[in-house]
Amino acid sequence: MKSNRVVTERVKYVHEHACGRNTMYIKQTKEGVLIQTTDDSNNTQHDFDIDNKDWKLIKMIIDNFVDSDYEEAKVAN
């Protein structure tokens, strides 16, 4: 049985600020996830190559801990 789905292979996030722009590019590959960050204010670039095993761990941490911390802070405030 076929199912419909959304496939996102690339994501770009841009943060504009007084000194310029920070950009994060995320690309999914068969081997894992590639993340590149750039900072226009000081002309720097950082690249992260994360394999699938490590990416699954990072995703699990985000899904299970980041959201719960946010909800607790939301209730406390």
PDB file of N, CA and C in Angstrom:
ATOM      1  N   MET A   1       0.836  -1.178   0.000  1.00  0.00           N
ATOM      2  CA  MET A   1       0.000   0.000   0.000  1.00  0.00           C
ATOM      3  C   MET A   1       0.885   1.247   0.000  1.00  0.00           C
ATOM      4  N   LYS A   2       0.597   2.165  -0.886  1.00  0.00           N
ATOM      5  CA  LYS A   2       1.365   3.402  -0.964  1.00  0.00           C
ATOM      6  C   LYS A   2       0.775   4.434  -0.011  1.00  0.00           C
ATOM      7  N   SER A   3       1.647   5.284   0.497  1.00  0.00           N
ATOM      8  CA  SER A   3       1.157   6.354   1.369  1.00  0.00           C
ATOM      9  C   SER A   3       1.773   7.674   0.931  1.00  0.00           C
ATOM     10  N   ASN A   4       1.061   8.737   1.164  1.00  0.00           N
ATOM     11  CA  ASN A   4       1.568  10.067   0.862  1.00  0.00           C
ATOM     12  C   ASN A   4       2.430  10.539   2.013  1.00  0.00           C
ATOM     13  N   ARG A   5       3.445  11.323   1.698  1.00  0.00           N
ATOM     14  CA  ARG A   5       4.311  11.855   2.742  1.00  0.00           C
ATOM     15  C   ARG A   5       5.008  13.098   2.230  1.00  0.00           C
ATOM     16  N   VAL A   6       5.475  13.882   3.149  1.00  0.00           N
ATOM     17  CA  VAL A   6       6.256  15.068   2.829  1.00  0.00           C
ATOM     18  C   VAL A   6       7.723  14.706   3.012  1.00  0.00           C
ATOM     19  N   VAL A   7       8.544  15.022   2.027  1.00  0.00           N
ATOM     20  CA  VAL A   7       9.977  14.753   2.105  1.00  0.00           C
ATOM     21  C   VAL A   7      10.700  16.092   2.081  1.00  0.00           C
ATOM     22  N   THR A   8      11.416  16.358   3.145  1.00  0.00           N
ATOM     23  CA  THR A   8      12.203  17.584   3.232  1.00  0.00           C
ATOM     24  C   THR A   8      13.659  17.181   3.322  1.00  0.00           C
ATOM     25  N   GLU A   9      14.401  17.461   2.272  1.00  0.00           N
ATOM     26  CA  GLU A   9      15.810  17.088   2.246  1.00  0.00           C
ATOM     27  C   GLU A   9      16.715  18.231   2.669  1.00  0.00           C
ATOM     28  N   ARG A  10      16.230  19.463   2.543  1.00  0.00           N
ATOM     29  CA  ARG A  10      17.044  20.624   2.893  1.00  0.00           C
ATOM     30  C   ARG A  10      16.204  21.630   3.677  1.00  0.00           C
ATOM     31  N   VAL A  11      16.827  22.218   4.688  1.00  0.00           N
ATOM     32  CA  VAL A  11      16.179  23.248   5.497  1.00  0.00           C
ATOM     33  C   VAL A  11      17.151  24.408   5.616  1.00  0.00           C
ATOM     34  N   LYS A  12      16.623  25.615   5.535  1.00  0.00           N
ATOM     35  CA  LYS A  12      17.441  26.821   5.725  1.00  0.00           C
ATOM     36  C   LYS A  12      16.754  27.685   6.775  1.00  0.00           C
ATOM     37  N   TYR A  13      17.498  28.050   7.822  1.00  0.00           N
ATOM     38  CA  TYR A  13      16.980  28.917   8.882  1.00  0.00           C
ATOM     39  C   TYR A  13      17.847  30.166   8.913  1.00  0.00           C
ATOM     40  N   VAL A  14      17.212  31.341   8.863  1.00  0.00           N
ATOM     41  CA  VAL A  14      17.937  32.612   8.852  1.00  0.00           C
ATOM     42  C   VAL A  14      17.527  33.430  10.065  1.00  0.00           C
ATOM     43  N   HIS A  15      18.527  33.921  10.792  1.00  0.00           N
ATOM     44  CA  HIS A  15      18.304  34.797  11.945  1.00  0.00           C
ATOM     45  C   HIS A  15      18.938  36.151  11.628  1.00  0.00           C
ATOM     46  N   GLU A  16      18.091  37.159  11.406  1.00  0.00           N
ATOM     47  CA  GLU A  16      18.565  38.520  11.137  1.00  0.00           C
ATOM     48  C   GLU A  16      18.755  39.236  12.469  1.00  0.00           C
ATOM     49  N   HIS A  17      19.867  39.951  12.603  1.00  0.00           N
ATOM     50  CA  HIS A  17      20.119  40.717  13.818  1.00  0.00           C
ATOM     51  C   HIS A  17      20.827  42.012  13.451  1.00  0.00           C
ATOM     52  N   ALA A  18      21.072  42.867  14.432  1.00  0.00           N
ATOM     53  CA  ALA A  18      21.622  44.204  14.186  1.00  0.00           C
ATOM     54  C   ALA A  18      22.967  44.175  13.471  1.00  0.00           C
ATOM     55  N   CYS A  19      23.768  43.148  13.706  1.00  0.00           N
ATOM     56  CA  CYS A  19      25.118  43.088  13.114  1.00  0.00           C
ATOM     57  C   CYS A  19      25.176  42.284  11.824  1.00  0.00           C
ATOM     58  N   GLY A  20      24.071  41.716  11.392  1.00  0.00           N
ATOM     59  CA  GLY A  20      24.087  40.935  10.156  1.00  0.00           C
ATOM     60  C   GLY A  20      23.120  39.779  10.183  1.00  0.00           C
ATOM     61  N   ARG A  21      23.607  38.631   9.759  1.00  0.00           N
ATOM     62  CA  ARG A  21      22.733  37.475   9.597  1.00  0.00           C
ATOM     63  C   ARG A  21      23.475  36.196   9.976  1.00  0.00           C
ATOM     64  N   ASN A  22      22.790  35.318  10.710  1.00  0.00           N
ATOM     65  CA  ASN A  22      23.262  33.957  10.971  1.00  0.00           C
ATOM     66  C   ASN A  22      22.354  33.016  10.188  1.00  0.00           C
ATOM     67  N   THR A  23      22.943  32.068   9.492  1.00  0.00           N
ATOM     68  CA  THR A  23      22.166  31.132   8.690  1.00  0.00           C
ATOM     69  C   THR A  23      22.579  29.710   9.034  1.00  0.00           C
ATOM     70  N   MET A  24      21.580  28.832   9.128  1.00  0.00           N
ATOM     71  CA  MET A  24      21.841  27.418   9.364  1.00  0.00           C
ATOM     72  C   MET A  24      21.198  26.629   8.226  1.00  0.00           C
ATOM     73  N   TYR A  25      21.998  25.795   7.579  1.00  0.00           N
ATOM     74  CA  TYR A  25      21.529  24.922   6.513  1.00  0.00           C
ATOM     75  C   TYR A  25      21.574  23.490   7.031  1.00  0.00           C
ATOM     76  N   ILE A  26      20.507  22.738   6.791  1.00  0.00           N
ATOM     77  CA  ILE A  26      20.449  21.341   7.214  1.00  0.00           C
ATOM     78  C   ILE A  26      20.082  20.505   5.996  1.00  0.00           C
ATOM     79  N   LYS A  27      20.850  19.451   5.755  1.00  0.00           N
ATOM     80  CA  LYS A  27      20.594  18.571   4.616  1.00  0.00           C
ATOM     81  C   LYS A  27      20.637  17.127   5.085  1.00  0.00           C
ATOM     82  N   GLN A  28      19.626  16.373   4.705  1.00  0.00           N
ATOM     83  CA  GLN A  28      19.572  14.952   5.044  1.00  0.00           C
ATOM     84  C   GLN A  28      20.226  14.149   3.927  1.00  0.00           C
ATOM     85  N   THR A  29      21.055  13.176   4.299  1.00  0.00           N
ATOM     86  CA  THR A  29      21.681  12.272   3.334  1.00  0.00           C
ATOM     87  C   THR A  29      21.426  10.832   3.775  1.00  0.00           C
ATOM     88  N   LYS A  30      21.829   9.879   2.967  1.00  0.00           N
ATOM     89  CA  LYS A  30      21.683   8.470   3.351  1.00  0.00           C
ATOM     90  C   LYS A  30      22.537   8.138   4.567  1.00  0.00           C
ATOM     91  N   GLU A  31      23.673   8.818   4.695  1.00  0.00           N
ATOM     92  CA  GLU A  31      24.596   8.543   5.791  1.00  0.00           C
ATOM     93  C   GLU A  31      24.242   9.262   7.082  1.00  0.00           C
ATOM     94  N   GLY A  32      23.476  10.347   6.999  1.00  0.00           N
ATOM     95  CA  GLY A  32      23.143  11.118   8.193  1.00  0.00           C
ATOM     96  C   GLY A  32      22.663  12.513   7.855  1.00  0.00           C
ATOM     97  N   VAL A  33      23.118  13.476   8.637  1.00  0.00           N
ATOM     98  CA  VAL A  33      22.676  14.861   8.490  1.00  0.00           C
ATOM     99  C   VAL A  33      23.904  15.759   8.380  1.00  0.00           C
ATOM    100  N   LEU A  34      23.846  16.694   7.445  1.00  0.00           N
ATOM    101  CA  LEU A  34      24.889  17.701   7.300  1.00  0.00           C
ATOM    102  C   LEU A  34      24.323  19.027   7.774  1.00  0.00           C
ATOM    103  N   ILE A  35      25.027  19.696   8.673  1.00  0.00           N
ATOM    104  CA  ILE A  35      24.600  21.001   9.170  1.00  0.00           C
ATOM    105  C   ILE A  35      25.730  21.981   8.917  1.00  0.00           C
ATOM    106  N   GLN A  36      25.372  23.122   8.339  1.00  0.00           N
ATOM    107  CA  GLN A  36      26.346  24.183   8.097  1.00  0.00           C
ATOM    108  C   GLN A  36      25.794  25.467   8.697  1.00  0.00           C
ATOM    109  N   THR A  37      26.619  26.168   9.451  1.00  0.00           N
ATOM    110  CA  THR A  37      26.217  27.465   9.987  1.00  0.00           C
ATOM    111  C   THR A  37      27.146  28.529   9.431  1.00  0.00           C
ATOM    112  N   THR A  38      26.580  29.691   9.134  1.00  0.00           N
ATOM    113  CA  THR A  38      27.373  30.823   8.669  1.00  0.00           C
ATOM    114  C   THR A  38      27.009  32.049   9.483  1.00  0.00           C
ATOM    115  N   ASP A  39      27.982  32.917   9.689  1.00  0.00           N
ATOM    116  CA  ASP A  39      27.787  34.176  10.404  1.00  0.00           C
ATOM    117  C   ASP A  39      28.342  35.284   9.523  1.00  0.00           C
ATOM    118  N   ASP A  40      27.450  36.097   8.967  1.00  0.00           N
ATOM    119  CA  ASP A  40      27.868  37.161   8.056  1.00  0.00           C
ATOM    120  C   ASP A  40      28.663  38.257   8.748  1.00  0.00           C
ATOM    121  N   SER A  41      28.403  38.487  10.046  1.00  0.00           N
ATOM    122  CA  SER A  41      29.057  39.601  10.739  1.00  0.00           C
ATOM    123  C   SER A  41      30.561  39.392  10.877  1.00  0.00           C
ATOM    124  N   ASN A  42      31.018  38.151  11.005  1.00  0.00           N
ATOM    125  CA  ASN A  42      32.466  37.911  11.093  1.00  0.00           C
ATOM    126  C   ASN A  42      32.957  36.931  10.034  1.00  0.00           C
ATOM    127  N   ASN A  43      32.116  36.695   9.020  1.00  0.00           N
ATOM    128  CA  ASN A  43      32.480  35.890   7.853  1.00  0.00           C
ATOM    129  C   ASN A  43      33.031  34.511   8.247  1.00  0.00           C
ATOM    130  N   THR A  44      32.280  33.790   9.090  1.00  0.00           N
ATOM    131  CA  THR A  44      32.702  32.454   9.510  1.00  0.00           C
ATOM    132  C   THR A  44      31.705  31.403   9.047  1.00  0.00           C
ATOM    133  N   GLN A  45      32.192  30.182   8.949  1.00  0.00           N
ATOM    134  CA  GLN A  45      31.370  29.042   8.561  1.00  0.00           C
ATOM    135  C   GLN A  45      31.812  27.828   9.366  1.00  0.00           C
ATOM    136  N   HIS A  46      30.839  27.047   9.849  1.00  0.00           N
ATOM    137  CA  HIS A  46      31.126  25.820  10.585  1.00  0.00           C
ATOM    138  C   HIS A  46      30.290  24.698   9.985  1.00  0.00           C
ATOM    139  N   ASP A  47      30.909  23.552   9.771  1.00  0.00           N
ATOM    140  CA  ASP A  47      30.238  22.400   9.172  1.00  0.00           C
ATOM    141  C   ASP A  47      30.219  21.237  10.156  1.00  0.00           C
ATOM    142  N   PHE A  48      29.076  20.559  10.222  1.00  0.00           N
ATOM    143  CA  PHE A  48      28.906  19.392  11.079  1.00  0.00           C
ATOM    144  C   PHE A  48      28.387  18.246  10.222  1.00  0.00           C
ATOM    145  N   ASP A  49      29.049  17.121  10.258  1.00  0.00           N
ATOM    146  CA  ASP A  49      28.639  15.912   9.553  1.00  0.00           C
ATOM    147  C   ASP A  49      28.259  14.894  10.626  1.00  0.00           C
ATOM    148  N   ILE A  50      26.965  14.643  10.791  1.00  0.00           N
ATOM    149  CA  ILE A  50      26.477  13.792  11.878  1.00  0.00           C
ATOM    150  C   ILE A  50      25.944  12.491  11.280  1.00  0.00           C
ATOM    151  N   ASP A  51      26.501  11.352  11.694  1.00  0.00           N
ATOM    152  CA  ASP A  51      26.024  10.079  11.140  1.00  0.00           C
ATOM    153  C   ASP A  51      24.643   9.741  11.713  1.00  0.00           C
ATOM    154  N   ASN A  52      23.971   8.778  11.066  1.00  0.00           N
ATOM    155  CA  ASN A  52      22.594   8.437  11.444  1.00  0.00           C
ATOM    156  C   ASN A  52      22.461   8.026  12.903  1.00  0.00           C
ATOM    157  N   LYS A  53      23.411   7.258  13.411  1.00  0.00           N
ATOM    158  CA  LYS A  53      23.340   6.793  14.805  1.00  0.00           C
ATOM    159  C   LYS A  53      23.354   7.978  15.770  1.00  0.00           C
ATOM    160  N   ASP A  54      24.286   8.896  15.561  1.00  0.00           N
ATOM    161  CA  ASP A  54      24.360  10.069  16.429  1.00  0.00           C
ATOM    162  C   ASP A  54      23.151  10.980  16.236  1.00  0.00           C
ATOM    163  N   TRP A  55      22.674  11.110  14.983  1.00  0.00           N
ATOM    164  CA  TRP A  55      21.521  11.961  14.718  1.00  0.00           C
ATOM    165  C   TRP A  55      20.278  11.421  15.428  1.00  0.00           C
ATOM    166  N   LYS A  56      20.095  10.104  15.433  1.00  0.00           N
ATOM    167  CA  LYS A  56      18.945   9.511  16.129  1.00  0.00           C
ATOM    168  C   LYS A  56      19.005   9.816  17.623  1.00  0.00           C
ATOM    169  N   LEU A  57      20.204   9.787  18.198  1.00  0.00           N
ATOM    170  CA  LEU A  57      20.367  10.122  19.612  1.00  0.00           C
ATOM    171  C   LEU A  57      20.032  11.593  19.861  1.00  0.00           C
ATOM    172  N   ILE A  58      20.548  12.487  19.030  1.00  0.00           N
ATOM    173  CA  ILE A  58      20.260  13.920  19.175  1.00  0.00           C
ATOM    174  C   ILE A  58      18.764  14.171  19.038  1.00  0.00           C
ATOM    175  N   LYS A  59      18.136  13.553  18.045  1.00  0.00           N
ATOM    176  CA  LYS A  59      16.695  13.720  17.828  1.00  0.00           C
ATOM    177  C   LYS A  59      15.898  13.216  19.030  1.00  0.00           C
ATOM    178  N   MET A  60      16.299  12.075  19.592  1.00  0.00           N
ATOM    179  CA  MET A  60      15.620  11.532  20.770  1.00  0.00           C
ATOM    180  C   MET A  60      15.721  12.507  21.943  1.00  0.00           C
ATOM    181  N   ILE A  61      16.898  13.094  22.122  1.00  0.00           N
ATOM    182  CA  ILE A  61      17.078  14.068  23.202  1.00  0.00           C
ATOM    183  C   ILE A  61      16.182  15.277  22.978  1.00  0.00           C
ATOM    184  N   ILE A  62      16.154  15.791  21.761  1.00  0.00           N
ATOM    185  CA  ILE A  62      15.303  16.947  21.458  1.00  0.00           C
ATOM    186  C   ILE A  62      13.837  16.604  21.695  1.00  0.00           C
ATOM    187  N   ASP A  63      13.388  15.469  21.164  1.00  0.00           N
ATOM    188  CA  ASP A  63      11.979  15.082  21.281  1.00  0.00           C
ATOM    189  C   ASP A  63      11.545  14.834  22.717  1.00  0.00           C
ATOM    190  N   ASN A  64      12.431  14.286  23.540  1.00  0.00           N
ATOM    191  CA  ASN A  64      12.036  13.882  24.887  1.00  0.00           C
ATOM    192  C   ASN A  64      12.377  14.863  25.997  1.00  0.00           C
ATOM    193  N   PHE A  65      13.360  15.704  25.782  1.00  0.00           N
ATOM    194  CA  PHE A  65      13.788  16.582  26.863  1.00  0.00           C
ATOM    195  C   PHE A  65      13.534  18.054  26.591  1.00  0.00           C
ATOM    196  N   VAL A  66      13.778  18.508  25.390  1.00  0.00           N
ATOM    197  CA  VAL A  66      13.619  19.933  25.091  1.00  0.00           C
ATOM    198  C   VAL A  66      12.164  20.349  25.232  1.00  0.00           C
ATOM    199  N   ASP A  67      11.235  19.596  24.658  1.00  0.00           N
ATOM    200  CA  ASP A  67       9.824  19.952  24.739  1.00  0.00           C
ATOM    201  C   ASP A  67       9.313  19.901  26.171  1.00  0.00           C
ATOM    202  N   SER A  68       9.736  18.899  26.939  1.00  0.00           N
ATOM    203  CA  SER A  68       9.258  18.795  28.315  1.00  0.00           C
ATOM    204  C   SER A  68       9.786  19.951  29.160  1.00  0.00           C
ATOM    205  N   ASP A  69      11.027  20.366  28.936  1.00  0.00           N
ATOM    206  CA  ASP A  69      11.566  21.517  29.660  1.00  0.00           C
ATOM    207  C   ASP A  69      10.796  22.783  29.302  1.00  0.00           C
ATOM    208  N   TYR A  70      10.456  22.922  28.030  1.00  0.00           N
ATOM    209  CA  TYR A  70       9.710  24.093  27.585  1.00  0.00           C
ATOM    210  C   TYR A  70       8.343  24.136  28.262  1.00  0.00           C
ATOM    211  N   GLU A  71       7.658  23.018  28.303  1.00  0.00           N
ATOM    212  CA  GLU A  71       6.337  22.965  28.922  1.00  0.00           C
ATOM    213  C   GLU A  71       6.416  23.277  30.412  1.00  0.00           C
ATOM    214  N   GLU A  72       7.448  22.782  31.102  1.00  0.00           N
ATOM    215  CA  GLU A  72       7.599  23.072  32.528  1.00  0.00           C
ATOM    216  C   GLU A  72       7.832  24.561  32.749  1.00  0.00           C
ATOM    217  N   ALA A  73       8.666  25.174  31.922  1.00  0.00           N
ATOM    218  CA  ALA A  73       8.934  26.611  32.046  1.00  0.00           C
ATOM    219  C   ALA A  73       7.674  27.412  31.742  1.00  0.00           C
ATOM    220  N   LYS A  74       6.903  26.947  30.790  1.00  0.00           N
ATOM    221  CA  LYS A  74       5.672  27.630  30.413  1.00  0.00           C
ATOM    222  C   LYS A  74       4.680  27.620  31.579  1.00  0.00           C
ATOM    223  N   VAL A  75       4.579  26.489  32.259  1.00  0.00           N
ATOM    224  CA  VAL A  75       3.663  26.371  33.393  1.00  0.00           C
ATOM    225  C   VAL A  75       4.158  27.224  34.561  1.00  0.00           C
ATOM    226  N   ALA A  76       5.474  27.228  34.791  1.00  0.00           N
ATOM    227  CA  ALA A  76       6.036  27.972  35.920  1.00  0.00           C
ATOM    228  C   ALA A  76       5.889  29.479  35.743  1.00  0.00           C
ATOM    229  N   ASN A  77       5.914  29.939  34.505  1.00  0.00           N
ATOM    230  CA  ASN A  77       5.804  31.382  34.259  1.00  0.00           C
ATOM    231  C   ASN A  77       4.378  31.735  34.143  1.00  0.00           C
TER     232      ASN A  77
END
